[in-house]
Amino acid sequence: MISTLIALVFAIVISFTKYYHWMFLVVLIPVIVNIYLSMKRNKNN
């Protein structure tokens, strides 16, 4: 789980440096949704 978060942070940083801010948001929104859903799933289990 922690390694996944680290990978996500790296992907976000790379996206932020490579692309424009709106591209960063396009990447960030689904990442936040995925983290939120996985947290909900972990709480349910």
N, C-alpha and C. Protein backbone atom coordinates (compact mmCIF):
# COMPACT_ATOMS: atom_id res chain seq x y z
N MET A 1 0.85 -1.21 0.00
CA MET A 1 0.00 0.00 0.00
C MET A 1 0.88 1.25 0.00
N ILE A 2 1.89 1.27 0.89
CA ILE A 2 2.77 2.44 0.97
C ILE A 2 3.55 2.61 -0.33
N SER A 3 4.03 1.49 -0.89
CA SER A 3 4.79 1.58 -2.14
C SER A 3 3.91 2.10 -3.27
N THR A 4 2.63 1.72 -3.24
CA THR A 4 1.68 2.23 -4.24
C THR A 4 1.53 3.73 -4.12
N LEU A 5 1.42 4.23 -2.90
CA LEU A 5 1.29 5.68 -2.69
C LEU A 5 2.54 6.40 -3.17
N ILE A 6 3.71 5.82 -2.90
CA ILE A 6 4.97 6.42 -3.35
C ILE A 6 4.99 6.49 -4.88
N ALA A 7 4.56 5.40 -5.52
CA ALA A 7 4.52 5.38 -6.98
C ALA A 7 3.57 6.45 -7.51
N LEU A 8 2.42 6.60 -6.85
CA LEU A 8 1.46 7.63 -7.25
C LEU A 8 2.06 9.02 -7.11
N VAL A 9 2.78 9.26 -6.01
CA VAL A 9 3.41 10.56 -5.81
C VAL A 9 4.42 10.84 -6.91
N PHE A 10 5.22 9.83 -7.25
CA PHE A 10 6.19 10.00 -8.34
C PHE A 10 5.49 10.32 -9.64
N ALA A 11 4.40 9.60 -9.95
CA ALA A 11 3.66 9.83 -11.18
C ALA A 11 3.10 11.25 -11.21
N ILE A 12 2.60 11.72 -10.05
CA ILE A 12 2.03 13.07 -9.97
C ILE A 12 3.13 14.12 -10.20
N VAL A 13 4.29 13.91 -9.57
CA VAL A 13 5.40 14.86 -9.72
C VAL A 13 5.86 14.91 -11.18
N ILE A 14 6.01 13.73 -11.80
CA ILE A 14 6.44 13.68 -13.20
C ILE A 14 5.41 14.37 -14.09
N SER A 15 4.13 14.09 -13.84
CA SER A 15 3.08 14.73 -14.63
C SER A 15 3.12 16.25 -14.47
N PHE A 16 3.37 16.70 -13.23
CA PHE A 16 3.37 18.13 -12.96
C PHE A 16 4.52 18.83 -13.68
N THR A 17 5.69 18.16 -13.73
CA THR A 17 6.85 18.79 -14.36
C THR A 17 6.78 18.69 -15.87
N LYS A 18 6.15 17.63 -16.39
CA LYS A 18 6.14 17.41 -17.84
C LYS A 18 5.03 18.19 -18.53
N TYR A 19 3.85 18.23 -17.90
CA TYR A 19 2.68 18.76 -18.59
C TYR A 19 2.19 20.04 -17.92
N TYR A 20 1.15 20.62 -18.52
CA TYR A 20 0.57 21.83 -17.96
C TYR A 20 -0.30 21.50 -16.75
N HIS A 21 -0.72 22.54 -16.05
CA HIS A 21 -1.47 22.36 -14.81
C HIS A 21 -2.78 21.61 -15.02
N TRP A 22 -3.43 21.85 -16.15
CA TRP A 22 -4.72 21.16 -16.36
C TRP A 22 -4.50 19.67 -16.58
N MET A 23 -3.37 19.31 -17.21
CA MET A 23 -3.03 17.89 -17.35
C MET A 23 -2.80 17.29 -15.97
N PHE A 24 -2.13 18.05 -15.10
CA PHE A 24 -1.89 17.61 -13.73
C PHE A 24 -3.20 17.34 -13.02
N LEU A 25 -4.18 18.22 -13.20
CA LEU A 25 -5.49 18.02 -12.57
C LEU A 25 -6.19 16.79 -13.14
N VAL A 26 -6.08 16.62 -14.46
CA VAL A 26 -6.71 15.46 -15.11
C VAL A 26 -6.15 14.16 -14.54
N VAL A 27 -4.85 14.15 -14.24
CA VAL A 27 -4.22 12.96 -13.65
C VAL A 27 -4.60 12.85 -12.18
N LEU A 28 -4.63 13.98 -11.49
CA LEU A 28 -4.80 13.96 -10.03
C LEU A 28 -6.20 13.54 -9.61
N ILE A 29 -7.23 13.98 -10.33
CA ILE A 29 -8.61 13.69 -9.93
C ILE A 29 -8.88 12.18 -9.85
N PRO A 30 -8.59 11.39 -10.90
CA PRO A 30 -8.82 9.95 -10.78
C PRO A 30 -7.97 9.29 -9.71
N VAL A 31 -6.76 9.81 -9.47
CA VAL A 31 -5.90 9.26 -8.42
C VAL A 31 -6.56 9.45 -7.06
N ILE A 32 -7.09 10.66 -6.80
CA ILE A 32 -7.77 10.93 -5.54
C ILE A 32 -8.99 10.03 -5.39
N VAL A 33 -9.75 9.87 -6.47
CA VAL A 33 -10.93 9.00 -6.43
C VAL A 33 -10.53 7.56 -6.11
N ASN A 34 -9.46 7.08 -6.74
CA ASN A 34 -9.00 5.71 -6.49
C ASN A 34 -8.56 5.53 -5.04
N ILE A 35 -7.83 6.50 -4.49
CA ILE A 35 -7.39 6.42 -3.10
C ILE A 35 -8.60 6.41 -2.17
N TYR A 36 -9.57 7.27 -2.44
CA TYR A 36 -10.78 7.35 -1.62
C TYR A 36 -11.54 6.03 -1.65
N LEU A 37 -11.71 5.46 -2.85
CA LEU A 37 -12.44 4.20 -2.98
C LEU A 37 -11.70 3.06 -2.29
N SER A 38 -10.39 3.01 -2.42
CA SER A 38 -9.62 1.94 -1.79
C SER A 38 -9.67 2.08 -0.27
N MET A 39 -9.68 3.32 0.24
CA MET A 39 -9.81 3.52 1.69
C MET A 39 -11.17 3.03 2.17
N LYS A 40 -12.23 3.36 1.42
CA LYS A 40 -13.57 2.90 1.79
C LYS A 40 -13.63 1.37 1.78
N ARG A 41 -13.01 0.76 0.76
CA ARG A 41 -13.03 -0.69 0.64
C ARG A 41 -12.27 -1.33 1.81
N ASN A 42 -11.15 -0.72 2.20
CA ASN A 42 -10.37 -1.25 3.32
C ASN A 42 -11.15 -1.15 4.63
N LYS A 43 -11.89 -0.06 4.81
CA LYS A 43 -12.69 0.09 6.03
C LYS A 43 -13.82 -0.94 6.07
N ASN A 44 -14.43 -1.19 4.92
CA ASN A 44 -15.51 -2.17 4.87
C ASN A 44 -15.00 -3.57 5.16
N ASN A 45 -13.80 -3.89 4.66
CA ASN A 45 -13.22 -5.20 4.92
C ASN A 45 -12.62 -5.22 6.30
